[in-house]
Amino acid sequence: MFNLSAPTAGMFFLSLLLGGLGVAAKLGYIPALVPYAFWILCAGLGTLLLGNLFKGL
């Protein structure tokens, strides 16, 4: 199947930052990003996925 590895600290914190921004935007704390909240959250999850799939990222 897939050979998963733990993401590096940088990738983890980047995905955590993007996910937090997406949630904060969806809740209305960042009004300028409300229309993009779903895509910011998807970018955070995609970043975490890439960090798990590729070793060293």
Foldseek 3Di string as FASTA:
>chain_A
DADWDAADPVLLVQLVVLLVVLVCLCVPVDVVCVVVSVVSNVVSVVSRVVRTRDPPD
